[in-house]
Amino acid sequence: MAVWSAGTTDEELWQTKLHTRSTDVAEANGQIVGFAMLDSNGYIDCFYCHHNYQQQGIGSQLLHHLETIASALGIRRPFSEVSITATPFFQRKGYGVVTKQRVEQQGVSFCNFLMEKYLER
């Protein structure tokens, strides 16, 4: 987790992301419990749901909303780089694995999966 949270201190990067991507935020009891971003090329970034709120439909709602935005923008192939633990969720939503990847973040190497889904027209 420390590897991912280290990137949160780059305020300029986050301002750029927030101003150039469609961002969806889920709230419960006045707290942010999930969020996700969609880039104009169809890349789903920063997909997150707080562990206390998983299995309650929040991730499904976030993903459905991003796919609705993608369709409205004419994006037919949303895609994301998905962790091992999130892969089953995306598979249940119709995403398929394109390739397994070995990536490095702040000197830590790990595996994730490039996944995509073709939206109906």
PDB file of N, CA and C in Angstrom:
ATOM      1  N   MET A   1       0.818  -1.188   0.000  1.00  0.00           N
ATOM      2  CA  MET A   1       0.000   0.000   0.000  1.00  0.00           C
ATOM      3  C   MET A   1       0.867   1.259   0.000  1.00  0.00           C
ATOM      4  N   ALA A   2       1.998   1.211   0.692  1.00  0.00           N
ATOM      5  CA  ALA A   2       2.863   2.385   0.762  1.00  0.00           C
ATOM      6  C   ALA A   2       3.364   2.788  -0.625  1.00  0.00           C
ATOM      7  N   VAL A   3       3.558   1.803  -1.499  1.00  0.00           N
ATOM      8  CA  VAL A   3       4.014   2.107  -2.860  1.00  0.00           C
ATOM      9  C   VAL A   3       2.988   2.976  -3.573  1.00  0.00           C
ATOM     10  N   TRP A   4       1.697   2.642  -3.427  1.00  0.00           N
ATOM     11  CA  TRP A   4       0.646   3.403  -4.101  1.00  0.00           C
ATOM     12  C   TRP A   4       0.420   4.749  -3.446  1.00  0.00           C
ATOM     13  N   SER A   5       0.429   4.807  -2.135  1.00  0.00           N
ATOM     14  CA  SER A   5       0.136   6.074  -1.458  1.00  0.00           C
ATOM     15  C   SER A   5       1.254   7.083  -1.641  1.00  0.00           C
ATOM     16  N   ALA A   6       2.460   6.645  -1.969  1.00  0.00           N
ATOM     17  CA  ALA A   6       3.561   7.580  -2.191  1.00  0.00           C
ATOM     18  C   ALA A   6       3.257   8.520  -3.351  1.00  0.00           C
ATOM     19  N   GLY A   7       2.502   8.053  -4.340  1.00  0.00           N
ATOM     20  CA  GLY A   7       2.163   8.885  -5.494  1.00  0.00           C
ATOM     21  C   GLY A   7       1.103   9.926  -5.204  1.00  0.00           C
ATOM     22  N   THR A   8       0.471   9.845  -4.051  1.00  0.00           N
ATOM     23  CA  THR A   8      -0.603  10.779  -3.736  1.00  0.00           C
ATOM     24  C   THR A   8      -0.091  12.156  -3.352  1.00  0.00           C
ATOM     25  N   THR A   9       1.200  12.308  -3.142  1.00  0.00           N
ATOM     26  CA  THR A   9       1.746  13.595  -2.722  1.00  0.00           C
ATOM     27  C   THR A   9       2.039  14.523  -3.897  1.00  0.00           C
ATOM     28  N   ASP A  10       1.950  14.041  -5.108  1.00  0.00           N
ATOM     29  CA  ASP A  10       2.201  14.863  -6.292  1.00  0.00           C
ATOM     30  C   ASP A  10       0.916  15.607  -6.653  1.00  0.00           C
ATOM     31  N   GLU A  11       0.730  16.765  -6.037  1.00  0.00           N
ATOM     32  CA  GLU A  11      -0.516  17.517  -6.217  1.00  0.00           C
ATOM     33  C   GLU A  11      -0.723  17.944  -7.667  1.00  0.00           C
ATOM     34  N   GLU A  12       0.335  18.300  -8.353  1.00  0.00           N
ATOM     35  CA  GLU A  12       0.207  18.722  -9.754  1.00  0.00           C
ATOM     36  C   GLU A  12      -0.318  17.570 -10.619  1.00  0.00           C
ATOM     37  N   LEU A  13       0.194  16.375 -10.384  1.00  0.00           N
ATOM     38  CA  LEU A  13      -0.275  15.198 -11.124  1.00  0.00           C
ATOM     39  C   LEU A  13      -1.766  14.984 -10.883  1.00  0.00           C
ATOM     40  N   TRP A  14      -2.210  15.061  -9.625  1.00  0.00           N
ATOM     41  CA  TRP A  14      -3.610  14.845  -9.299  1.00  0.00           C
ATOM     42  C   TRP A  14      -4.495  15.946  -9.865  1.00  0.00           C
ATOM     43  N   GLN A  15      -4.027  17.174  -9.854  1.00  0.00           N
ATOM     44  CA  GLN A  15      -4.813  18.268 -10.441  1.00  0.00           C
ATOM     45  C   GLN A  15      -4.997  18.034 -11.937  1.00  0.00           C
ATOM     46  N   THR A  16      -3.931  17.592 -12.601  1.00  0.00           N
ATOM     47  CA  THR A  16      -4.017  17.297 -14.031  1.00  0.00           C
ATOM     48  C   THR A  16      -5.021  16.177 -14.285  1.00  0.00           C
ATOM     49  N   LYS A  17      -4.924  15.102 -13.507  1.00  0.00           N
ATOM     50  CA  LYS A  17      -5.859  13.984 -13.681  1.00  0.00           C
ATOM     51  C   LYS A  17      -7.299  14.441 -13.471  1.00  0.00           C
ATOM     52  N   LEU A  18      -7.529  15.216 -12.413  1.00  0.00           N
ATOM     53  CA  LEU A  18      -8.891  15.651 -12.094  1.00  0.00           C
ATOM     54  C   LEU A  18      -9.473  16.580 -13.153  1.00  0.00           C
ATOM     55  N   HIS A  19      -8.617  17.311 -13.856  1.00  0.00           N
ATOM     56  CA  HIS A  19      -9.110  18.268 -14.850  1.00  0.00           C
ATOM     57  C   HIS A  19      -9.138  17.715 -16.268  1.00  0.00           C
ATOM     58  N   THR A  20      -8.548  16.534 -16.482  1.00  0.00           N
ATOM     59  CA  THR A  20      -8.499  15.992 -17.843  1.00  0.00           C
ATOM     60  C   THR A  20      -9.244  14.664 -17.979  1.00  0.00           C
ATOM     61  N   ARG A  21      -9.813  14.167 -16.908  1.00  0.00           N
ATOM     62  CA  ARG A  21     -10.498  12.873 -16.943  1.00  0.00           C
ATOM     63  C   ARG A  21     -11.876  12.989 -16.322  1.00  0.00           C
ATOM     64  N   SER A  22     -12.780  12.139 -16.781  1.00  0.00           N
ATOM     65  CA  SER A  22     -14.084  12.037 -16.135  1.00  0.00           C
ATOM     66  C   SER A  22     -13.863  11.311 -14.818  1.00  0.00           C
ATOM     67  N   THR A  23     -14.313  11.910 -13.748  1.00  0.00           N
ATOM     68  CA  THR A  23     -14.099  11.335 -12.420  1.00  0.00           C
ATOM     69  C   THR A  23     -15.439  11.057 -11.763  1.00  0.00           C
ATOM     70  N   ASP A  24     -15.581   9.870 -11.204  1.00  0.00           N
ATOM     71  CA  ASP A  24     -16.799   9.473 -10.508  1.00  0.00           C
ATOM     72  C   ASP A  24     -16.421   9.168  -9.064  1.00  0.00           C
ATOM     73  N   VAL A  25     -17.200   9.701  -8.123  1.00  0.00           N
ATOM     74  CA  VAL A  25     -16.928   9.520  -6.702  1.00  0.00           C
ATOM     75  C   VAL A  25     -18.157   8.922  -6.037  1.00  0.00           C
ATOM     76  N   ALA A  26     -17.942   7.913  -5.205  1.00  0.00           N
ATOM     77  CA  ALA A  26     -19.027   7.301  -4.433  1.00  0.00           C
ATOM     78  C   ALA A  26     -18.888   7.720  -2.976  1.00  0.00           C
ATOM     79  N   GLU A  27     -20.001   8.134  -2.403  1.00  0.00           N
ATOM     80  CA  GLU A  27     -20.012   8.561  -1.003  1.00  0.00           C
ATOM     81  C   GLU A  27     -21.018   7.743  -0.213  1.00  0.00           C
ATOM     82  N   ALA A  28     -20.716   7.542   1.067  1.00  0.00           N
ATOM     83  CA  ALA A  28     -21.642   6.910   2.001  1.00  0.00           C
ATOM     84  C   ALA A  28     -21.429   7.547   3.363  1.00  0.00           C
ATOM     85  N   ASN A  29     -22.493   7.994   3.970  1.00  0.00           N
ATOM     86  CA  ASN A  29     -22.420   8.631   5.286  1.00  0.00           C
ATOM     87  C   ASN A  29     -21.436   9.796   5.313  1.00  0.00           C
ATOM     88  N   GLY A  30     -21.422  10.571   4.227  1.00  0.00           N
ATOM     89  CA  GLY A  30     -20.554  11.741   4.152  1.00  0.00           C
ATOM     90  C   GLY A  30     -19.083  11.433   3.943  1.00  0.00           C
ATOM     91  N   GLN A  31     -18.767  10.194   3.628  1.00  0.00           N
ATOM     92  CA  GLN A  31     -17.392   9.766   3.427  1.00  0.00           C
ATOM     93  C   GLN A  31     -17.193   9.297   1.992  1.00  0.00           C
ATOM     94  N   ILE A  32     -16.053   9.595   1.402  1.00  0.00           N
ATOM     95  CA  ILE A  32     -15.726   9.037   0.089  1.00  0.00           C
ATOM     96  C   ILE A  32     -15.357   7.567   0.294  1.00  0.00           C
ATOM     97  N   VAL A  33     -16.074   6.677  -0.396  1.00  0.00           N
ATOM     98  CA  VAL A  33     -15.847   5.237  -0.235  1.00  0.00           C
ATOM     99  C   VAL A  33     -15.372   4.580  -1.528  1.00  0.00           C
ATOM    100  N   GLY A  34     -15.349   5.346  -2.601  1.00  0.00           N
ATOM    101  CA  GLY A  34     -14.856   4.819  -3.865  1.00  0.00           C
ATOM    102  C   GLY A  34     -14.715   5.922  -4.883  1.00  0.00           C
ATOM    103  N   PHE A  35     -13.869   5.695  -5.868  1.00  0.00           N
ATOM    104  CA  PHE A  35     -13.721   6.646  -6.966  1.00  0.00           C
ATOM    105  C   PHE A  35     -13.062   5.950  -8.142  1.00  0.00           C
ATOM    106  N   ALA A  36     -13.228   6.533  -9.304  1.00  0.00           N
ATOM    107  CA  ALA A  36     -12.618   6.007 -10.521  1.00  0.00           C
ATOM    108  C   ALA A  36     -12.559   7.120 -11.555  1.00  0.00           C
ATOM    109  N   MET A  37     -11.644   6.982 -12.495  1.00  0.00           N
ATOM    110  CA  MET A  37     -11.470   7.982 -13.546  1.00  0.00           C
ATOM    111  C   MET A  37     -11.471   7.309 -14.917  1.00  0.00           C
ATOM    112  N   LEU A  38     -11.937   8.050 -15.909  1.00  0.00           N
ATOM    113  CA  LEU A  38     -11.934   7.577 -17.289  1.00  0.00           C
ATOM    114  C   LEU A  38     -11.219   8.604 -18.145  1.00  0.00           C
ATOM    115  N   ASP A  39     -10.156   8.175 -18.815  1.00  0.00           N
ATOM    116  CA  ASP A  39      -9.419   9.038 -19.726  1.00  0.00           C
ATOM    117  C   ASP A  39     -10.128   9.052 -21.078  1.00  0.00           C
ATOM    118  N   SER A  40      -9.851  10.045 -21.877  1.00  0.00           N
ATOM    119  CA  SER A  40     -10.528  10.195 -23.170  1.00  0.00           C
ATOM    120  C   SER A  40     -10.200   9.071 -24.154  1.00  0.00           C
ATOM    121  N   ASN A  41      -9.151   8.292 -23.891  1.00  0.00           N
ATOM    122  CA  ASN A  41      -8.824   7.161 -24.762  1.00  0.00           C
ATOM    123  C   ASN A  41      -9.461   5.853 -24.289  1.00  0.00           C
ATOM    124  N   GLY A  42     -10.255   5.919 -23.180  1.00  0.00           N
ATOM    125  CA  GLY A  42     -10.926   4.740 -22.672  1.00  0.00           C
ATOM    126  C   GLY A  42     -10.238   4.085 -21.484  1.00  0.00           C
ATOM    127  N   TYR A  43      -9.105   4.647 -21.068  1.00  0.00           N
ATOM    128  CA  TYR A  43      -8.364   4.067 -19.943  1.00  0.00           C
ATOM    129  C   TYR A  43      -9.065   4.355 -18.625  1.00  0.00           C
ATOM    130  N   ILE A  44      -9.399   3.301 -17.902  1.00  0.00           N
ATOM    131  CA  ILE A  44      -9.987   3.419 -16.568  1.00  0.00           C
ATOM    132  C   ILE A  44      -8.835   3.449 -15.576  1.00  0.00           C
ATOM    133  N   ASP A  45      -8.756   4.543 -14.829  1.00  0.00           N
ATOM    134  CA  ASP A  45      -7.630   4.775 -13.919  1.00  0.00           C
ATOM    135  C   ASP A  45      -8.163   4.965 -12.504  1.00  0.00           C
ATOM    136  N   CYS A  46      -7.321   4.679 -11.544  1.00  0.00           N
ATOM    137  CA  CYS A  46      -7.603   4.972 -10.131  1.00  0.00           C
ATOM    138  C   CYS A  46      -8.893   4.324  -9.641  1.00  0.00           C
ATOM    139  N   PHE A  47      -9.210   3.149 -10.112  1.00  0.00           N
ATOM    140  CA  PHE A  47     -10.442   2.480  -9.690  1.00  0.00           C
ATOM    141  C   PHE A  47     -10.248   1.977  -8.272  1.00  0.00           C
ATOM    142  N   TYR A  48     -11.050   2.507  -7.344  1.00  0.00           N
ATOM    143  CA  TYR A  48     -10.859   2.195  -5.928  1.00  0.00           C
ATOM    144  C   TYR A  48     -12.195   2.117  -5.200  1.00  0.00           C
ATOM    145  N   CYS A  49     -12.315   1.127  -4.345  1.00  0.00           N
ATOM    146  CA  CYS A  49     -13.457   1.008  -3.441  1.00  0.00           C
ATOM    147  C   CYS A  49     -12.910   0.621  -2.065  1.00  0.00           C
ATOM    148  N   HIS A  50     -13.253   1.387  -1.047  1.00  0.00           N
ATOM    149  CA  HIS A  50     -12.777   1.125   0.311  1.00  0.00           C
ATOM    150  C   HIS A  50     -13.164  -0.286   0.731  1.00  0.00           C
ATOM    151  N   HIS A  51     -12.254  -0.979   1.388  1.00  0.00           N
ATOM    152  CA  HIS A  51     -12.495  -2.387   1.721  1.00  0.00           C
ATOM    153  C   HIS A  51     -13.734  -2.598   2.595  1.00  0.00           C
ATOM    154  N   ASN A  52     -14.108  -1.626   3.397  1.00  0.00           N
ATOM    155  CA  ASN A  52     -15.321  -1.772   4.225  1.00  0.00           C
ATOM    156  C   ASN A  52     -16.610  -1.655   3.412  1.00  0.00           C
ATOM    157  N   TYR A  53     -16.494  -1.237   2.160  1.00  0.00           N
ATOM    158  CA  TYR A  53     -17.680  -1.032   1.320  1.00  0.00           C
ATOM    159  C   TYR A  53     -17.694  -1.941   0.097  1.00  0.00           C
ATOM    160  N   GLN A  54     -16.791  -2.909   0.058  1.00  0.00           N
ATOM    161  CA  GLN A  54     -16.789  -3.852  -1.057  1.00  0.00           C
ATOM    162  C   GLN A  54     -17.946  -4.826  -0.910  1.00  0.00           C
ATOM    163  N   GLN A  55     -18.343  -5.423  -2.010  1.00  0.00           N
ATOM    164  CA  GLN A  55     -19.463  -6.364  -2.072  1.00  0.00           C
ATOM    165  C   GLN A  55     -20.807  -5.697  -1.762  1.00  0.00           C
ATOM    166  N   GLN A  56     -20.891  -4.377  -1.989  1.00  0.00           N
ATOM    167  CA  GLN A  56     -22.139  -3.656  -1.748  1.00  0.00           C
ATOM    168  C   GLN A  56     -22.644  -2.952  -3.007  1.00  0.00           C
ATOM    169  N   GLY A  57     -22.016  -3.239  -4.142  1.00  0.00           N
ATOM    170  CA  GLY A  57     -22.470  -2.668  -5.405  1.00  0.00           C
ATOM    171  C   GLY A  57     -21.820  -1.352  -5.783  1.00  0.00           C
ATOM    172  N   ILE A  58     -20.960  -0.822  -4.943  1.00  0.00           N
ATOM    173  CA  ILE A  58     -20.339   0.478  -5.229  1.00  0.00           C
ATOM    174  C   ILE A  58     -19.418   0.387  -6.446  1.00  0.00           C
ATOM    175  N   GLY A  59     -18.562  -0.624  -6.478  1.00  0.00           N
ATOM    176  CA  GLY A  59     -17.674  -0.798  -7.627  1.00  0.00           C
ATOM    177  C   GLY A  59     -18.464  -1.014  -8.908  1.00  0.00           C
ATOM    178  N   SER A  60     -19.535  -1.782  -8.821  1.00  0.00           N
ATOM    179  CA  SER A  60     -20.383  -2.026  -9.988  1.00  0.00           C
ATOM    180  C   SER A  60     -20.997  -0.724 -10.495  1.00  0.00           C
ATOM    181  N   GLN A  61     -21.467   0.096  -9.580  1.00  0.00           N
ATOM    182  CA  GLN A  61     -22.056   1.383  -9.975  1.00  0.00           C
ATOM    183  C   GLN A  61     -21.013   2.306 -10.587  1.00  0.00           C
ATOM    184  N   LEU A  62     -19.824   2.356  -9.991  1.00  0.00           N
ATOM    185  CA  LEU A  62     -18.758   3.190 -10.545  1.00  0.00           C
ATOM    186  C   LEU A  62     -18.422   2.746 -11.972  1.00  0.00           C
ATOM    187  N   LEU A  63     -18.231   1.436 -12.149  1.00  0.00           N
ATOM    188  CA  LEU A  63     -17.852   0.925 -13.467  1.00  0.00           C
ATOM    189  C   LEU A  63     -18.962   1.154 -14.483  1.00  0.00           C
ATOM    190  N   HIS A  64     -20.194   0.903 -14.083  1.00  0.00           N
ATOM    191  CA  HIS A  64     -21.326   1.129 -14.991  1.00  0.00           C
ATOM    192  C   HIS A  64     -21.385   2.600 -15.418  1.00  0.00           C
ATOM    193  N   HIS A  65     -21.183   3.501 -14.489  1.00  0.00           N
ATOM    194  CA  HIS A  65     -21.218   4.924 -14.819  1.00  0.00           C
ATOM    195  C   HIS A  65     -20.095   5.292 -15.790  1.00  0.00           C
ATOM    196  N   LEU A  66     -18.887   4.778 -15.554  1.00  0.00           N
ATOM    197  CA  LEU A  66     -17.778   5.064 -16.477  1.00  0.00           C
ATOM    198  C   LEU A  66     -18.058   4.492 -17.865  1.00  0.00           C
ATOM    199  N   GLU A  67     -18.649   3.306 -17.927  1.00  0.00           N
ATOM    200  CA  GLU A  67     -18.979   2.715 -19.228  1.00  0.00           C
ATOM    201  C   GLU A  67     -20.055   3.539 -19.943  1.00  0.00           C
ATOM    202  N   THR A  68     -20.987   4.096 -19.196  1.00  0.00           N
ATOM    203  CA  THR A  68     -22.024   4.954 -19.774  1.00  0.00           C
ATOM    204  C   THR A  68     -21.380   6.223 -20.358  1.00  0.00           C
ATOM    205  N   ILE A  69     -20.448   6.790 -19.615  1.00  0.00           N
ATOM    206  CA  ILE A  69     -19.719   7.973 -20.112  1.00  0.00           C
ATOM    207  C   ILE A  69     -18.929   7.598 -21.354  1.00  0.00           C
ATOM    208  N   ALA A  70     -18.239   6.466 -21.303  1.00  0.00           N
ATOM    209  CA  ALA A  70     -17.446   6.014 -22.457  1.00  0.00           C
ATOM    210  C   ALA A  70     -18.326   5.891 -23.692  1.00  0.00           C
ATOM    211  N   SER A  71     -19.468   5.268 -23.560  1.00  0.00           N
ATOM    212  CA  SER A  71     -20.392   5.123 -24.690  1.00  0.00           C
ATOM    213  C   SER A  71     -20.807   6.481 -25.237  1.00  0.00           C
ATOM    214  N   ALA A  72     -21.143   7.402 -24.343  1.00  0.00           N
ATOM    215  CA  ALA A  72     -21.572   8.739 -24.767  1.00  0.00           C
ATOM    216  C   ALA A  72     -20.456   9.470 -25.502  1.00  0.00           C
ATOM    217  N   LEU A  73     -19.213   9.167 -25.157  1.00  0.00           N
ATOM    218  CA  LEU A  73     -18.062   9.807 -25.814  1.00  0.00           C
ATOM    219  C   LEU A  73     -17.625   9.057 -27.072  1.00  0.00           C
ATOM    220  N   GLY A  74     -18.312   7.960 -27.391  1.00  0.00           N
ATOM    221  CA  GLY A  74     -17.948   7.175 -28.567  1.00  0.00           C
ATOM    222  C   GLY A  74     -16.801   6.209 -28.319  1.00  0.00           C
ATOM    223  N   ILE A  75     -16.446   6.003 -27.075  1.00  0.00           N
ATOM    224  CA  ILE A  75     -15.391   5.046 -26.727  1.00  0.00           C
ATOM    225  C   ILE A  75     -16.017   3.659 -26.706  1.00  0.00           C
ATOM    226  N   ARG A  76     -15.510   2.759 -27.511  1.00  0.00           N
ATOM    227  CA  ARG A  76     -16.078   1.412 -27.601  1.00  0.00           C
ATOM    228  C   ARG A  76     -15.259   0.369 -26.854  1.00  0.00           C
ATOM    229  N   ARG A  77     -14.042   0.747 -26.409  1.00  0.00           N
ATOM    230  CA  ARG A  77     -13.157  -0.225 -25.769  1.00  0.00           C
ATOM    231  C   ARG A  77     -12.537   0.360 -24.499  1.00  0.00           C
ATOM    232  N   PRO A  78     -13.288   0.364 -23.384  1.00  0.00           N
ATOM    233  CA  PRO A  78     -12.643   0.763 -22.137  1.00  0.00           C
ATOM    234  C   PRO A  78     -11.640  -0.315 -21.714  1.00  0.00           C
ATOM    235  N   PHE A  79     -10.560   0.112 -21.092  1.00  0.00           N
ATOM    236  CA  PHE A  79      -9.520  -0.827 -20.671  1.00  0.00           C
ATOM    237  C   PHE A  79      -8.859  -0.315 -19.400  1.00  0.00           C
ATOM    238  N   SER A  80      -8.203  -1.223 -18.700  1.00  0.00           N
ATOM    239  CA  SER A  80      -7.551  -0.850 -17.448  1.00  0.00           C
ATOM    240  C   SER A  80      -6.420  -1.820 -17.144  1.00  0.00           C
ATOM    241  N   GLU A  81      -5.531  -1.392 -16.270  1.00  0.00           N
ATOM    242  CA  GLU A  81      -4.495  -2.258 -15.726  1.00  0.00           C
ATOM    243  C   GLU A  81      -4.983  -2.665 -14.337  1.00  0.00           C
ATOM    244  N   VAL A  82      -5.279  -3.945 -14.174  1.00  0.00           N
ATOM    245  CA  VAL A  82      -6.045  -4.442 -13.040  1.00  0.00           C
ATOM    246  C   VAL A  82      -5.181  -5.342 -12.156  1.00  0.00           C
ATOM    247  N   SER A  83      -5.301  -5.160 -10.849  1.00  0.00           N
ATOM    248  CA  SER A  83      -4.553  -5.992  -9.905  1.00  0.00           C
ATOM    249  C   SER A  83      -5.070  -7.425  -9.927  1.00  0.00           C
ATOM    250  N   ILE A  84      -4.276  -8.317  -9.383  1.00  0.00           N
ATOM    251  CA  ILE A  84      -4.677  -9.722  -9.296  1.00  0.00           C
ATOM    252  C   ILE A  84      -5.993  -9.842  -8.527  1.00  0.00           C
ATOM    253  N   THR A  85      -6.129  -9.099  -7.440  1.00  0.00           N
ATOM    254  CA  THR A  85      -7.331  -9.232  -6.611  1.00  0.00           C
ATOM    255  C   THR A  85      -8.569  -8.635  -7.275  1.00  0.00           C
ATOM    256  N   ALA A  86      -8.397  -7.659  -8.163  1.00  0.00           N
ATOM    257  CA  ALA A  86      -9.543  -7.037  -8.834  1.00  0.00           C
ATOM    258  C   ALA A  86      -9.926  -7.750 -10.131  1.00  0.00           C
ATOM    259  N   THR A  87      -9.082  -8.641 -10.614  1.00  0.00           N
ATOM    260  CA  THR A  87      -9.341  -9.321 -11.881  1.00  0.00           C
ATOM    261  C   THR A  87     -10.696 -10.044 -11.901  1.00  0.00           C
ATOM    262  N   PRO A  88     -11.074 -10.808 -10.875  1.00  0.00           N
ATOM    263  CA  PRO A  88     -12.377 -11.484 -10.924  1.00  0.00           C
ATOM    264  C   PRO A  88     -13.555 -10.507 -11.033  1.00  0.00           C
ATOM    265  N   PHE A  89     -13.470  -9.367 -10.359  1.00  0.00           N
ATOM    266  CA  PHE A  89     -14.534  -8.362 -10.457  1.00  0.00           C
ATOM    267  C   PHE A  89     -14.688  -7.902 -11.900  1.00  0.00           C
ATOM    268  N   PHE A  90     -13.589  -7.541 -12.546  1.00  0.00           N
ATOM    269  CA  PHE A  90     -13.663  -7.067 -13.927  1.00  0.00           C
ATOM    270  C   PHE A  90     -14.124  -8.182 -14.870  1.00  0.00           C
ATOM    271  N   GLN A  91     -13.703  -9.411 -14.622  1.00  0.00           N
ATOM    272  CA  GLN A  91     -14.162 -10.523 -15.453  1.00  0.00           C
ATOM    273  C   GLN A  91     -15.675 -10.695 -15.340  1.00  0.00           C
ATOM    274  N   ARG A  92     -16.219 -10.577 -14.125  1.00  0.00           N
ATOM    275  CA  ARG A  92     -17.673 -10.690 -13.958  1.00  0.00           C
ATOM    276  C   ARG A  92     -18.409  -9.570 -14.694  1.00  0.00           C
ATOM    277  N   LYS A  93     -17.738  -8.458 -14.952  1.00  0.00           N
ATOM    278  CA  LYS A  93     -18.345  -7.327 -15.649  1.00  0.00           C
ATOM    279  C   LYS A  93     -18.094  -7.383 -17.157  1.00  0.00           C
ATOM    280  N   GLY A  94     -17.547  -8.501 -17.639  1.00  0.00           N
ATOM    281  CA  GLY A  94     -17.384  -8.694 -19.076  1.00  0.00           C
ATOM    282  C   GLY A  94     -16.028  -8.309 -19.640  1.00  0.00           C
ATOM    283  N   TYR A  95     -15.081  -7.991 -18.782  1.00  0.00           N
ATOM    284  CA  TYR A  95     -13.731  -7.641 -19.242  1.00  0.00           C
ATOM    285  C   TYR A  95     -12.909  -8.904 -19.421  1.00  0.00           C
ATOM    286  N   GLY A  96     -12.078  -8.895 -20.446  1.00  0.00           N
ATOM    287  CA  GLY A  96     -11.196 -10.022 -20.698  1.00  0.00           C
ATOM    288  C   GLY A  96      -9.747  -9.603 -20.554  1.00  0.00           C
ATOM    289  N   VAL A  97      -8.916 -10.560 -20.199  1.00  0.00           N
ATOM    290  CA  VAL A  97      -7.490 -10.302 -20.052  1.00  0.00           C
ATOM    291  C   VAL A  97      -6.851 -10.212 -21.432  1.00  0.00           C
ATOM    292  N   VAL A  98      -6.145  -9.124 -21.670  1.00  0.00           N
ATOM    293  CA  VAL A  98      -5.379  -8.956 -22.907  1.00  0.00           C
ATOM    294  C   VAL A  98      -3.990  -9.542 -22.703  1.00  0.00           C
ATOM    295  N   THR A  99      -3.371  -9.179 -21.584  1.00  0.00           N
ATOM    296  CA  THR A  99      -2.038  -9.682 -21.285  1.00  0.00           C
ATOM    297  C   THR A  99      -1.721  -9.526 -19.806  1.00  0.00           C
ATOM    298  N   LYS A 100      -0.889 -10.411 -19.337  1.00  0.00           N
ATOM    299  CA  LYS A 100      -0.349 -10.311 -17.989  1.00  0.00           C
ATOM    300  C   LYS A 100       0.877  -9.401 -18.074  1.00  0.00           C
ATOM    301  N   GLN A 101       1.033  -8.538 -17.101  1.00  0.00           N
ATOM    302  CA  GLN A 101       2.135  -7.574 -17.133  1.00  0.00           C
ATOM    303  C   GLN A 101       2.957  -7.671 -15.846  1.00  0.00           C
ATOM    304  N   ARG A 102       4.225  -7.390 -15.977  1.00  0.00           N
ATOM    305  CA  ARG A 102       5.092  -7.229 -14.818  1.00  0.00           C
ATOM    306  C   ARG A 102       5.451  -5.750 -14.793  1.00  0.00           C
ATOM    307  N   VAL A 103       5.041  -5.060 -13.738  1.00  0.00           N
ATOM    308  CA  VAL A 103       5.271  -3.616 -13.638  1.00  0.00           C
ATOM    309  C   VAL A 103       6.063  -3.299 -12.377  1.00  0.00           C
ATOM    310  N   GLU A 104       6.689  -2.127 -12.393  1.00  0.00           N
ATOM    311  CA  GLU A 104       7.469  -1.690 -11.247  1.00  0.00           C
ATOM    312  C   GLU A 104       6.975  -0.328 -10.804  1.00  0.00           C
ATOM    313  N   GLN A 105       6.770  -0.183  -9.516  1.00  0.00           N
ATOM    314  CA  GLN A 105       6.329   1.082  -8.931  1.00  0.00           C
ATOM    315  C   GLN A 105       7.243   1.361  -7.742  1.00  0.00           C
ATOM    316  N   GLN A 106       8.010   2.421  -7.826  1.00  0.00           N
ATOM    317  CA  GLN A 106       8.920   2.823  -6.750  1.00  0.00           C
ATOM    318  C   GLN A 106       9.826   1.680  -6.305  1.00  0.00           C
ATOM    319  N   GLY A 107      10.364   0.945  -7.272  1.00  0.00           N
ATOM    320  CA  GLY A 107      11.297  -0.134  -6.982  1.00  0.00           C
ATOM    321  C   GLY A 107      10.657  -1.449  -6.584  1.00  0.00           C
ATOM    322  N   VAL A 108       9.337  -1.512  -6.512  1.00  0.00           N
ATOM    323  CA  VAL A 108       8.634  -2.743  -6.166  1.00  0.00           C
ATOM    324  C   VAL A 108       8.029  -3.322  -7.438  1.00  0.00           C
ATOM    325  N   SER A 109       8.341  -4.573  -7.727  1.00  0.00           N
ATOM    326  CA  SER A 109       7.849  -5.240  -8.926  1.00  0.00           C
ATOM    327  C   SER A 109       6.640  -6.105  -8.567  1.00  0.00           C
ATOM    328  N   PHE A 110       5.612  -6.049  -9.405  1.00  0.00           N
ATOM    329  CA  PHE A 110       4.423  -6.866  -9.177  1.00  0.00           C
ATOM    330  C   PHE A 110       3.736  -7.155 -10.496  1.00  0.00           C
ATOM    331  N   CYS A 111       2.770  -8.053 -10.429  1.00  0.00           N
ATOM    332  CA  CYS A 111       2.034  -8.490 -11.609  1.00  0.00           C
ATOM    333  C   CYS A 111       0.665  -7.826 -11.633  1.00  0.00           C
ATOM    334  N   ASN A 112       0.234  -7.406 -12.821  1.00  0.00           N
ATOM    335  CA  ASN A 112      -1.155  -6.989 -13.016  1.00  0.00           C
ATOM    336  C   ASN A 112      -1.596  -7.440 -14.407  1.00  0.00           C
ATOM    337  N   PHE A 113      -2.821  -7.108 -14.766  1.00  0.00           N
ATOM    338  CA  PHE A 113      -3.367  -7.573 -16.030  1.00  0.00           C
ATOM    339  C   PHE A 113      -3.974  -6.416 -16.802  1.00  0.00           C
ATOM    340  N   LEU A 114      -3.637  -6.319 -18.076  1.00  0.00           N
ATOM    341  CA  LEU A 114      -4.309  -5.384 -18.963  1.00  0.00           C
ATOM    342  C   LEU A 114      -5.612  -6.064 -19.371  1.00  0.00           C
ATOM    343  N   MET A 115      -6.737  -5.397 -19.074  1.00  0.00           N
ATOM    344  CA  MET A 115      -8.055  -5.965 -19.377  1.00  0.00           C
ATOM    345  C   MET A 115      -8.845  -4.979 -20.203  1.00  0.00           C
ATOM    346  N   GLU A 116      -9.752  -5.505 -21.031  1.00  0.00           N
ATOM    347  CA  GLU A 116     -10.563  -4.649 -21.888  1.00  0.00           C
ATOM    348  C   GLU A 116     -11.950  -5.247 -22.050  1.00  0.00           C
ATOM    349  N   LYS A 117     -12.854  -4.379 -22.485  1.00  0.00           N
ATOM    350  CA  LYS A 117     -14.217  -4.797 -22.784  1.00  0.00           C
ATOM    351  C   LYS A 117     -14.690  -4.019 -24.000  1.00  0.00           C
ATOM    352  N   TYR A 118     -15.357  -4.698 -24.910  1.00  0.00           N
ATOM    353  CA  TYR A 118     -15.943  -4.022 -26.057  1.00  0.00           C
ATOM    354  C   TYR A 118     -17.408  -3.746 -25.743  1.00  0.00           C
ATOM    355  N   LEU A 119     -17.761  -2.469 -25.769  1.00  0.00           N
ATOM    356  CA  LEU A 119     -19.123  -2.056 -25.478  1.00  0.00           C
ATOM    357  C   LEU A 119     -20.009  -2.227 -26.697  1.00  0.00           C
ATOM    358  N   GLU A 120     -21.252  -2.581 -26.462  1.00  0.00           N
ATOM    359  CA  GLU A 120     -22.200  -2.697 -27.567  1.00  0.00           C
ATOM    360  C   GLU A 120     -22.548  -1.314 -28.070  1.00  0.00           C
ATOM    361  N   ARG A 121     -22.826  -1.251 -29.338  1.00  0.00           N
ATOM    362  CA  ARG A 121     -23.192   0.045 -29.940  1.00  0.00           C
ATOM    363  C   ARG A 121     -24.640   0.318 -29.755  1.00  0.00           C
TER     364      ARG A 121
END
